[in-house]
Amino acid sequence: MTRLYLSSDGTVRTPGPGEHGHLDMGRTILGPDWRGDVEDTYAGMWNAGWVRVVDSPETLIAEQWVDGQPVPFASLPPVQQAWLKAHSVQVGKQLVWNARAVTPE
C-alpha cells in the first residue's frame, strides 16, 4: 500500500525521508510549528485543499473532509478529479471517494 497526498494543483506528495505515512507528511507540510494531534493534522491538510490517498492493490482510496463533512467529489478542483480518475483507470483499480465507489467517466 502506498500512502500519498494530492495537492489542489495536482502535485503528488509521497513520504520523504523519516516520514512513514499520512500523519508524518501532514506534519511536515503544515510546518515545523504545527502542534496538532492526529485529527487536527488531517483536518489541517484537508482545509488546505489536500486529498489523502491510499493506493492499495485493488482500489485507489481517496478522501477529503471539511468541518466533519465529506467533500463531494465534484467539488474537487478539476486537476484533482482528473488525476484520481486517470490514475485509477490507468492501473485498473476501483476509485473509492470518501468510502463510496466512484465510476470514472
Protein backbone atom coordinates (compact mmCIF):
# COMPACT_ATOMS: atom_id res chain seq x y z
CA MET A 1 0.00 0.00 0.00
CA THR A 2 1.25 3.44 -0.92
CA ARG A 3 0.16 6.46 1.07
CA LEU A 4 0.26 9.86 -0.58
CA TYR A 5 -1.32 13.28 -0.65
CA LEU A 6 -2.62 15.08 -3.72
CA SER A 7 -2.47 18.88 -3.62
CA SER A 8 -5.11 21.17 -5.06
CA ASP A 9 -2.78 21.86 -8.00
CA GLY A 10 -2.41 18.13 -8.75
CA THR A 11 1.04 17.67 -7.21
CA VAL A 12 1.57 14.21 -5.73
CA ARG A 13 3.36 14.13 -2.37
CA THR A 14 4.82 10.81 -1.21
CA PRO A 15 6.59 10.19 2.11
CA GLY A 16 10.04 11.70 2.35
CA PRO A 17 12.96 10.58 4.50
CA GLY A 18 11.82 9.92 8.05
CA GLU A 19 8.14 10.05 7.11
CA HIS A 20 6.12 6.87 7.48
CA GLY A 21 2.69 7.84 6.24
CA HIS A 22 -0.01 10.49 6.07
CA LEU A 23 0.46 11.83 9.58
CA ASP A 24 4.19 12.44 9.17
CA MET A 25 3.70 14.00 5.73
CA GLY A 26 0.95 16.24 7.06
CA ARG A 27 3.07 17.47 9.95
CA THR A 28 5.94 18.23 7.58
CA ILE A 29 3.72 20.04 5.07
CA LEU A 30 1.95 22.06 7.78
CA GLY A 31 5.31 23.24 9.06
CA PRO A 32 7.69 22.99 11.98
CA ASP A 33 5.42 24.99 14.30
CA TRP A 34 2.48 22.60 13.78
CA ARG A 35 1.43 21.06 17.10
CA GLY A 36 -1.91 19.43 16.24
CA ASP A 37 -2.88 15.88 17.16
CA VAL A 38 -3.78 13.25 14.57
CA GLU A 39 -7.28 14.57 13.83
CA ASP A 40 -6.08 18.20 13.81
CA THR A 41 -3.34 17.30 11.34
CA TYR A 42 -5.72 15.58 8.92
CA ALA A 43 -8.18 18.49 9.25
CA GLY A 44 -5.35 20.96 8.61
CA MET A 45 -4.38 19.13 5.44
CA TRP A 46 -7.95 18.88 4.17
CA ASN A 47 -8.61 22.54 4.95
CA ALA A 48 -5.50 23.38 2.91
CA GLY A 49 -7.00 21.50 -0.06
CA TRP A 50 -5.02 18.26 0.14
CA VAL A 51 -6.63 14.88 -0.64
CA ARG A 52 -5.44 11.89 1.37
CA VAL A 53 -4.87 8.86 -0.90
CA VAL A 54 -4.15 5.19 -0.24
CA ASP A 55 -3.13 3.23 -3.32
CA SER A 56 -3.91 -0.37 -2.39
CA PRO A 57 -3.68 -3.47 -4.59
CA GLU A 58 -7.26 -3.35 -5.87
CA THR A 59 -8.51 0.13 -5.01
CA LEU A 60 -7.47 3.75 -5.01
CA ILE A 61 -8.96 5.15 -1.83
CA ALA A 62 -9.14 8.94 -1.52
CA GLU A 63 -10.80 11.31 0.89
CA GLN A 64 -11.24 14.90 1.94
CA TRP A 65 -13.43 16.12 4.78
CA VAL A 66 -14.03 19.73 5.85
CA ASP A 67 -15.75 20.66 9.12
CA GLY A 68 -16.52 16.98 9.69
CA GLN A 69 -18.37 16.65 6.39
CA PRO A 70 -17.26 14.71 3.30
CA VAL A 71 -16.31 16.95 0.39
CA PRO A 72 -18.25 15.93 -2.73
CA PHE A 73 -16.02 14.54 -5.47
CA ALA A 74 -17.50 17.09 -7.90
CA SER A 75 -16.29 19.92 -5.62
CA LEU A 76 -12.63 18.98 -6.04
CA PRO A 77 -10.54 21.11 -8.38
CA PRO A 78 -10.66 19.60 -11.90
CA VAL A 79 -6.97 18.69 -11.75
CA GLN A 80 -7.52 16.55 -8.63
CA GLN A 81 -10.57 14.86 -10.15
CA ALA A 82 -8.65 14.16 -13.35
CA TRP A 83 -5.63 12.73 -11.53
CA LEU A 84 -7.75 10.41 -9.37
CA LYS A 85 -9.82 9.18 -12.31
CA ALA A 86 -6.85 8.75 -14.64
CA HIS A 87 -4.70 7.03 -12.03
CA SER A 88 -7.42 4.54 -11.11
CA VAL A 89 -8.23 3.74 -14.76
CA GLN A 90 -4.56 3.57 -15.74
CA VAL A 91 -3.78 0.92 -13.15
CA GLY A 92 -7.17 -0.83 -13.33
CA LYS A 93 -8.33 -0.06 -9.81
CA GLN A 94 -11.67 0.92 -8.36
CA LEU A 95 -11.73 4.54 -7.18
CA VAL A 96 -13.26 4.94 -3.72
CA TRP A 97 -14.00 8.53 -2.67
CA ASN A 98 -14.91 9.19 0.97
CA ALA A 99 -15.75 5.48 1.34
CA ARG A 100 -18.02 5.42 -1.76
CA ALA A 101 -17.15 3.93 -5.13
CA VAL A 102 -16.75 6.43 -7.97
CA THR A 103 -17.13 5.39 -11.59
CA PRO A 104 -14.55 7.14 -13.77
CA GLU A 105 -16.08 8.61 -16.92
